[in-house]
PDB file of N, CA and C in Angstrom:
ATOM      1  N   MET A   1     -44.484  50.919 -38.550  1.00  0.00           N
ATOM      2  CA  MET A   1     -44.862  50.527 -37.813  1.00  0.00           C
ATOM      3  C   MET A   1     -43.559  49.967 -36.417  1.00  0.00           C
ATOM      4  N   ASP A   2     -43.780  50.623 -35.467  1.00  0.00           N
ATOM      5  CA  ASP A   2     -42.904  50.484 -34.120  1.00  0.00           C
ATOM      6  C   ASP A   2     -42.724  49.373 -33.222  1.00  0.00           C
ATOM      7  N   GLU A   3     -43.855  49.131 -33.082  1.00  0.00           N
ATOM      8  CA  GLU A   3     -44.342  47.771 -32.228  1.00  0.00           C
ATOM      9  C   GLU A   3     -45.621  46.978 -32.618  1.00  0.00           C
ATOM     10  N   VAL A   4     -45.731  45.622 -32.388  1.00  0.00           N
ATOM     11  CA  VAL A   4     -46.973  45.125 -32.498  1.00  0.00           C
ATOM     12  C   VAL A   4     -47.427  44.433 -31.124  1.00  0.00           C
ATOM     13  N   TRP A   5     -49.146  45.067 -31.214  1.00  0.00           N
ATOM     14  CA  TRP A   5     -49.415  44.593 -29.890  1.00  0.00           C
ATOM     15  C   TRP A   5     -50.257  43.790 -30.072  1.00  0.00           C
ATOM     16  N   VAL A   6     -50.406  42.704 -29.233  1.00  0.00           N
ATOM     17  CA  VAL A   6     -51.733  41.505 -29.570  1.00  0.00           C
ATOM     18  C   VAL A   6     -52.361  41.579 -28.580  1.00  0.00           C
ATOM     19  N   THR A   7     -53.693  41.333 -28.814  1.00  0.00           N
ATOM     20  CA  THR A   7     -54.873  40.986 -27.905  1.00  0.00           C
ATOM     21  C   THR A   7     -54.942  39.695 -27.542  1.00  0.00           C
ATOM     22  N   VAL A   8     -55.288  39.113 -26.513  1.00  0.00           N
ATOM     23  CA  VAL A   8     -55.664  37.923 -26.137  1.00  0.00           C
ATOM     24  C   VAL A   8     -57.061  37.907 -25.136  1.00  0.00           C
ATOM     25  N   ALA A   9     -57.676  36.692 -25.277  1.00  0.00           N
ATOM     26  CA  ALA A   9     -58.642  36.555 -23.711  1.00  0.00           C
ATOM     27  C   ALA A   9     -59.159  35.229 -23.736  1.00  0.00           C
ATOM     28  N   PRO A  10     -59.579  34.364 -23.557  1.00  0.00           N
ATOM     29  CA  PRO A  10     -59.870  33.046 -23.058  1.00  0.00           C
ATOM     30  C   PRO A  10     -61.003  32.927 -24.285  1.00  0.00           C
ATOM     31  N   GLU A  11     -61.086  31.651 -25.000  1.00  0.00           N
ATOM     32  CA  GLU A  11     -62.152  31.514 -26.100  1.00  0.00           C
ATOM     33  C   GLU A  11     -63.428  31.667 -25.123  1.00  0.00           C
ATOM     34  N   VAL A  12     -63.789  31.083 -24.539  1.00  0.00           N
ATOM     35  CA  VAL A  12     -64.686  31.452 -23.416  1.00  0.00           C
ATOM     36  C   VAL A  12     -65.771  32.849 -23.328  1.00  0.00           C
ATOM     37  N   ALA A  13     -64.713  33.562 -22.944  1.00  0.00           N
ATOM     38  CA  ALA A  13     -65.035  35.148 -23.070  1.00  0.00           C
ATOM     39  C   ALA A  13     -65.459  35.574 -24.126  1.00  0.00           C
ATOM     40  N   VAL A  14     -64.675  35.369 -25.217  1.00  0.00           N
ATOM     41  CA  VAL A  14     -64.305  35.836 -26.705  1.00  0.00           C
ATOM     42  C   VAL A  14     -65.700  35.335 -27.031  1.00  0.00           C
ATOM     43  N   ILE A  15     -66.388  34.141 -27.146  1.00  0.00           N
ATOM     44  CA  ILE A  15     -68.053  33.138 -27.071  1.00  0.00           C
ATOM     45  C   ILE A  15     -68.727  34.356 -26.530  1.00  0.00           C
ATOM     46  N   LYS A  16     -68.449  34.511 -25.280  1.00  0.00           N
ATOM     47  CA  LYS A  16     -69.582  35.282 -24.936  1.00  0.00           C
ATOM     48  C   LYS A  16     -69.957  36.716 -25.249  1.00  0.00           C
ATOM     49  N   ARG A  17     -68.998  37.375 -25.805  1.00  0.00           N
ATOM     50  CA  ARG A  17     -68.891  38.984 -26.195  1.00  0.00           C
ATOM     51  C   ARG A  17     -69.555  38.778 -27.496  1.00  0.00           C
ATOM     52  N   LEU A  18     -69.286  37.596 -28.503  1.00  0.00           N
ATOM     53  CA  LEU A  18     -69.960  37.793 -29.637  1.00  0.00           C
ATOM     54  C   LEU A  18     -71.093  37.217 -29.904  1.00  0.00           C
ATOM     55  N   LYS A  19     -71.723  36.278 -28.664  1.00  0.00           N
ATOM     56  CA  LYS A  19     -73.407  36.005 -28.456  1.00  0.00           C
ATOM     57  C   LYS A  19     -73.636  37.154 -28.093  1.00  0.00           C
ATOM     58  N   ALA A  20     -72.756  38.069 -27.144  1.00  0.00           N
ATOM     59  CA  ALA A  20     -73.710  39.181 -26.365  1.00  0.00           C
ATOM     60  C   ALA A  20     -73.998  40.639 -28.196  1.00  0.00           C
ATOM     61  N   LYS A  21     -73.598  40.198 -28.961  1.00  0.00           N
ATOM     62  CA  LYS A  21     -73.780  40.872 -30.225  1.00  0.00           C
ATOM     63  C   LYS A  21     -74.182  40.202 -31.135  1.00  0.00           C
ATOM     64  N   GLY A  22     -75.145  39.028 -30.865  1.00  0.00           N
ATOM     65  CA  GLY A  22     -76.208  38.454 -31.668  1.00  0.00           C
ATOM     66  C   GLY A  22     -75.184  37.678 -32.869  1.00  0.00           C
ATOM     67  N   LEU A  23     -74.492  37.202 -32.366  1.00  0.00           N
ATOM     68  CA  LEU A  23     -73.364  35.868 -33.128  1.00  0.00           C
ATOM     69  C   LEU A  23     -74.138  34.792 -32.401  1.00  0.00           C
ATOM     70  N   PRO A  24     -74.834  33.401 -33.380  1.00  0.00           N
ATOM     71  CA  PRO A  24     -74.778  32.525 -33.024  1.00  0.00           C
ATOM     72  C   PRO A  24     -73.336  32.050 -32.148  1.00  0.00           C
ATOM     73  N   GLU A  25     -73.483  30.550 -31.748  1.00  0.00           N
ATOM     74  CA  GLU A  25     -72.448  30.679 -30.753  1.00  0.00           C
ATOM     75  C   GLU A  25     -71.704  29.377 -32.140  1.00  0.00           C
ATOM     76  N   ASP A  26     -72.095  29.149 -32.478  1.00  0.00           N
ATOM     77  CA  ASP A  26     -71.404  28.067 -33.780  1.00  0.00           C
ATOM     78  C   ASP A  26     -70.880  28.833 -34.821  1.00  0.00           C
ATOM     79  N   GLN A  27     -71.024  30.359 -34.918  1.00  0.00           N
ATOM     80  CA  GLN A  27     -70.303  31.192 -35.784  1.00  0.00           C
ATOM     81  C   GLN A  27     -69.569  31.914 -35.655  1.00  0.00           C
ATOM     82  N   ALA A  28     -69.504  32.185 -33.725  1.00  0.00           N
ATOM     83  CA  ALA A  28     -68.518  32.546 -33.073  1.00  0.00           C
ATOM     84  C   ALA A  28     -67.278  31.471 -33.112  1.00  0.00           C
ATOM     85  N   ARG A  29     -67.776  30.372 -32.867  1.00  0.00           N
ATOM     86  CA  ARG A  29     -66.862  29.497 -32.957  1.00  0.00           C
ATOM     87  C   ARG A  29     -66.121  29.325 -34.139  1.00  0.00           C
ATOM     88  N   ALA A  30     -66.410  29.444 -35.540  1.00  0.00           N
ATOM     89  CA  ALA A  30     -66.210  28.829 -36.586  1.00  0.00           C
ATOM     90  C   ALA A  30     -65.193  30.841 -36.860  1.00  0.00           C
ATOM     91  N   ARG A  31     -65.723  31.855 -36.367  1.00  0.00           N
ATOM     92  CA  ARG A  31     -64.504  32.834 -36.895  1.00  0.00           C
ATOM     93  C   ARG A  31     -63.505  32.644 -35.907  1.00  0.00           C
ATOM     94  N   ILE A  32     -63.542  32.101 -34.734  1.00  0.00           N
ATOM     95  CA  ILE A  32     -62.090  32.243 -33.811  1.00  0.00           C
ATOM     96  C   ILE A  32     -61.386  31.045 -34.686  1.00  0.00           C
ATOM     97  N   ARG A  33     -61.682  30.264 -35.429  1.00  0.00           N
ATOM     98  CA  ARG A  33     -60.943  29.181 -35.934  1.00  0.00           C
ATOM     99  C   ARG A  33     -60.321  29.451 -36.991  1.00  0.00           C
ATOM    100  N   THR A  34     -60.847  30.839 -37.637  1.00  0.00           N
ATOM    101  CA  THR A  34     -60.155  31.317 -38.877  1.00  0.00           C
ATOM    102  C   THR A  34     -59.061  32.293 -38.137  1.00  0.00           C
ATOM    103  N   GLN A  35     -58.626  32.570 -37.536  1.00  0.00           N
ATOM    104  CA  GLN A  35     -57.644  33.463 -36.708  1.00  0.00           C
ATOM    105  C   GLN A  35     -56.587  32.375 -36.314  1.00  0.00           C
ATOM    106  N   LEU A  36     -55.927  33.405 -36.655  1.00  0.00           N
ATOM    107  CA  LEU A  36     -54.413  32.610 -35.742  1.00  0.00           C
ATOM    108  C   LEU A  36     -53.740  32.569 -34.579  1.00  0.00           C
ATOM    109  N   PRO A  37     -53.963  30.893 -34.137  1.00  0.00           N
ATOM    110  CA  PRO A  37     -54.080  31.116 -32.707  1.00  0.00           C
ATOM    111  C   PRO A  37     -53.229  32.000 -31.857  1.00  0.00           C
ATOM    112  N   ALA A  38     -53.637  31.767 -30.645  1.00  0.00           N
ATOM    113  CA  ALA A  38     -52.368  33.522 -29.693  1.00  0.00           C
ATOM    114  C   ALA A  38     -51.138  32.694 -29.474  1.00  0.00           C
ATOM    115  N   SER A  39     -50.886  31.261 -29.155  1.00  0.00           N
ATOM    116  CA  SER A  39     -49.963  30.688 -28.947  1.00  0.00           C
ATOM    117  C   SER A  39     -48.807  31.228 -30.353  1.00  0.00           C
ATOM    118  N   ARG A  40     -49.631  31.423 -31.666  1.00  0.00           N
ATOM    119  CA  ARG A  40     -48.837  31.930 -32.415  1.00  0.00           C
ATOM    120  C   ARG A  40     -48.363  33.303 -32.556  1.00  0.00           C
ATOM    121  N   ARG A  41     -49.490  34.297 -32.133  1.00  0.00           N
ATOM    122  CA  ARG A  41     -49.461  35.523 -32.393  1.00  0.00           C
ATOM    123  C   ARG A  41     -48.685  36.196 -31.096  1.00  0.00           C
ATOM    124  N   THR A  42     -48.425  35.689 -30.315  1.00  0.00           N
ATOM    125  CA  THR A  42     -47.957  36.185 -28.848  1.00  0.00           C
ATOM    126  C   THR A  42     -46.615  36.150 -28.877  1.00  0.00           C
ATOM    127  N   PRO A  43     -45.417  35.042 -29.627  1.00  0.00           N
ATOM    128  CA  PRO A  43     -44.366  35.469 -29.587  1.00  0.00           C
ATOM    129  C   PRO A  43     -43.637  36.778 -30.651  1.00  0.00           C
ATOM    130  N   ARG A  44     -44.811  37.150 -31.479  1.00  0.00           N
ATOM    131  CA  ARG A  44     -44.387  37.898 -32.672  1.00  0.00           C
ATOM    132  C   ARG A  44     -44.732  39.193 -32.372  1.00  0.00           C
ATOM    133  N   ALA A  45     -45.119  39.257 -30.892  1.00  0.00           N
ATOM    134  CA  ALA A  45     -45.599  40.665 -30.147  1.00  0.00           C
ATOM    135  C   ALA A  45     -44.803  41.339 -29.698  1.00  0.00           C
ATOM    136  N   ASN A  46     -44.497  42.487 -29.704  1.00  0.00           N
ATOM    137  CA  ASN A  46     -43.521  43.613 -28.811  1.00  0.00           C
ATOM    138  C   ASN A  46     -44.720  43.739 -27.036  1.00  0.00           C
ATOM    139  N   VAL A  47     -45.751  43.176 -27.403  1.00  0.00           N
ATOM    140  CA  VAL A  47     -46.719  43.920 -26.165  1.00  0.00           C
ATOM    141  C   VAL A  47     -48.594  42.642 -26.515  1.00  0.00           C
ATOM    142  N   VAL A  48     -48.214  42.191 -24.956  1.00  0.00           N
ATOM    143  CA  VAL A  48     -49.802  41.336 -25.158  1.00  0.00           C
ATOM    144  C   VAL A  48     -50.254  42.062 -24.035  1.00  0.00           C
ATOM    145  N   ILE A  49     -51.726  41.897 -24.367  1.00  0.00           N
ATOM    146  CA  ILE A  49     -52.887  42.760 -23.710  1.00  0.00           C
ATOM    147  C   ILE A  49     -54.233  41.902 -23.771  1.00  0.00           C
ATOM    148  N   ASP A  50     -53.853  41.028 -22.573  1.00  0.00           N
ATOM    149  CA  ASP A  50     -54.851  40.374 -22.070  1.00  0.00           C
ATOM    150  C   ASP A  50     -56.176  41.066 -21.735  1.00  0.00           C
ATOM    151  N   THR A  51     -57.797  40.806 -22.528  1.00  0.00           N
ATOM    152  CA  THR A  51     -58.707  41.687 -22.697  1.00  0.00           C
ATOM    153  C   THR A  51     -59.647  40.579 -21.640  1.00  0.00           C
ATOM    154  N   ASP A  52     -59.397  40.162 -20.796  1.00  0.00           N
ATOM    155  CA  ASP A  52     -60.199  39.512 -20.274  1.00  0.00           C
ATOM    156  C   ASP A  52     -60.573  40.138 -19.011  1.00  0.00           C
ATOM    157  N   CYS A  53     -61.378  40.708 -19.156  1.00  0.00           N
ATOM    158  CA  CYS A  53     -61.578  42.148 -17.951  1.00  0.00           C
ATOM    159  C   CYS A  53     -62.628  43.222 -18.866  1.00  0.00           C
ATOM    160  N   THR A  54     -62.882  44.149 -17.638  1.00  0.00           N
ATOM    161  CA  THR A  54     -64.338  44.856 -18.182  1.00  0.00           C
ATOM    162  C   THR A  54     -63.193  45.954 -18.961  1.00  0.00           C
ATOM    163  N   LEU A  55     -64.435  46.656 -19.903  1.00  0.00           N
ATOM    164  CA  LEU A  55     -64.104  47.435 -20.945  1.00  0.00           C
ATOM    165  C   LEU A  55     -63.083  48.690 -20.559  1.00  0.00           C
ATOM    166  N   GLU A  56     -63.672  49.120 -19.282  1.00  0.00           N
ATOM    167  CA  GLU A  56     -62.970  50.155 -18.058  1.00  0.00           C
ATOM    168  C   GLU A  56     -61.461  49.684 -17.968  1.00  0.00           C
ATOM    169  N   GLU A  57     -61.080  48.714 -17.555  1.00  0.00           N
ATOM    170  CA  GLU A  57     -60.183  47.827 -17.262  1.00  0.00           C
ATOM    171  C   GLU A  57     -59.481  47.977 -18.376  1.00  0.00           C
ATOM    172  N   LEU A  58     -60.220  47.479 -19.720  1.00  0.00           N
ATOM    173  CA  LEU A  58     -59.010  47.636 -20.966  1.00  0.00           C
ATOM    174  C   LEU A  58     -58.337  49.098 -20.917  1.00  0.00           C
ATOM    175  N   ARG A  59     -59.885  49.539 -21.455  1.00  0.00           N
ATOM    176  CA  ARG A  59     -59.179  51.196 -21.512  1.00  0.00           C
ATOM    177  C   ARG A  59     -58.240  51.799 -20.910  1.00  0.00           C
ATOM    178  N   GLN A  60     -57.943  51.042 -19.703  1.00  0.00           N
ATOM    179  CA  GLN A  60     -57.068  51.595 -18.318  1.00  0.00           C
ATOM    180  C   GLN A  60     -55.769  51.110 -18.807  1.00  0.00           C
ATOM    181  N   ARG A  61     -55.806  49.787 -18.796  1.00  0.00           N
ATOM    182  CA  ARG A  61     -54.379  49.281 -19.419  1.00  0.00           C
ATOM    183  C   ARG A  61     -54.013  50.082 -20.619  1.00  0.00           C
ATOM    184  N   VAL A  62     -54.521  49.658 -21.266  1.00  0.00           N
ATOM    185  CA  VAL A  62     -54.297  50.449 -23.237  1.00  0.00           C
ATOM    186  C   VAL A  62     -54.095  51.696 -22.789  1.00  0.00           C
ATOM    187  N   LYS A  63     -54.695  52.481 -22.174  1.00  0.00           N
ATOM    188  CA  LYS A  63     -53.661  54.278 -21.859  1.00  0.00           C
ATOM    189  C   LYS A  63     -52.180  54.227 -20.724  1.00  0.00           C
ATOM    190  N   THR A  64     -52.244  52.927 -20.047  1.00  0.00           N
ATOM    191  CA  THR A  64     -51.164  53.103 -19.361  1.00  0.00           C
ATOM    192  C   THR A  64     -49.851  52.500 -20.185  1.00  0.00           C
ATOM    193  N   LEU A  65     -50.450  51.386 -21.691  1.00  0.00           N
ATOM    194  CA  LEU A  65     -49.067  51.054 -21.974  1.00  0.00           C
ATOM    195  C   LEU A  65     -48.944  52.115 -22.893  1.00  0.00           C
ATOM    196  N   TRP A  66     -50.100  52.577 -23.567  1.00  0.00           N
ATOM    197  CA  TRP A  66     -49.813  53.945 -24.766  1.00  0.00           C
ATOM    198  C   TRP A  66     -48.489  54.368 -23.832  1.00  0.00           C
ATOM    199  N   ASN A  67     -48.831  55.212 -22.891  1.00  0.00           N
ATOM    200  CA  ASN A  67     -48.291  56.408 -22.224  1.00  0.00           C
ATOM    201  C   ASN A  67     -46.551  55.439 -21.683  1.00  0.00           C
ATOM    202  N   GLU A  68     -46.655  54.867 -21.098  1.00  0.00           N
ATOM    203  CA  GLU A  68     -45.296  54.248 -21.245  1.00  0.00           C
ATOM    204  C   GLU A  68     -44.306  54.013 -22.572  1.00  0.00           C
ATOM    205  N   ARG A  69     -45.226  53.458 -23.112  1.00  0.00           N
ATOM    206  CA  ARG A  69     -44.176  52.921 -24.595  1.00  0.00           C
ATOM    207  C   ARG A  69     -44.459  53.475 -25.284  1.00  0.00           C
ATOM    208  N   VAL A  70     -45.579  54.039 -26.190  1.00  0.00           N
ATOM    209  CA  VAL A  70     -45.842  55.096 -27.211  1.00  0.00           C
ATOM    210  C   VAL A  70     -44.977  56.595 -27.193  1.00  0.00           C
ATOM    211  N   LEU A  71     -45.158  56.885 -25.852  1.00  0.00           N
ATOM    212  CA  LEU A  71     -45.441  58.616 -25.561  1.00  0.00           C
ATOM    213  C   LEU A  71     -43.811  58.115 -25.438  1.00  0.00           C
ATOM    214  N   ASP A  72     -43.080  57.280 -24.679  1.00  0.00           N
ATOM    215  CA  ASP A  72     -41.380  57.464 -24.172  1.00  0.00           C
ATOM    216  C   ASP A  72     -41.169  57.514 -25.451  1.00  0.00           C
ATOM    217  N   ILE A  73     -41.106  56.315 -26.464  1.00  0.00           N
ATOM    218  CA  ILE A  73     -40.742  56.088 -27.746  1.00  0.00           C
ATOM    219  C   ILE A  73     -40.465  57.358 -28.504  1.00  0.00           C
ATOM    220  N   LYS A  74     -41.695  58.593 -28.563  1.00  0.00           N
ATOM    221  CA  LYS A  74     -41.414  59.658 -29.475  1.00  0.00           C
ATOM    222  C   LYS A  74     -40.444  60.509 -28.640  1.00  0.00           C
ATOM    223  N   THR A  75     -40.408  60.499 -27.342  1.00  0.00           N
ATOM    224  CA  THR A  75     -39.828  61.202 -26.668  1.00  0.00           C
ATOM    225  C   THR A  75     -38.393  60.889 -26.863  1.00  0.00           C
ATOM    226  N   SER A  76     -37.791  59.872 -26.936  1.00  0.00           N
ATOM    227  CA  SER A  76     -36.260  59.461 -26.980  1.00  0.00           C
ATOM    228  C   SER A  76     -35.982  60.071 -28.200  1.00  0.00           C
TER     229      SER A  76
END
């Protein structure tokens, strides 16, 4: 592993996504509570990706980061 990439999104957005997949809101909140909060994940990350966007925007962000960071690392 060369880098740690962390994704973050507002809790409201995460709950909305989980509800869209059929998870009841109380279960979505319970799932979120089991995870390490972003405030503890992000300081450990080399890259933080904000996923509060459309899926296409997220794909572009990840592609750009991959090209800038991973492909550069491998060619160095």
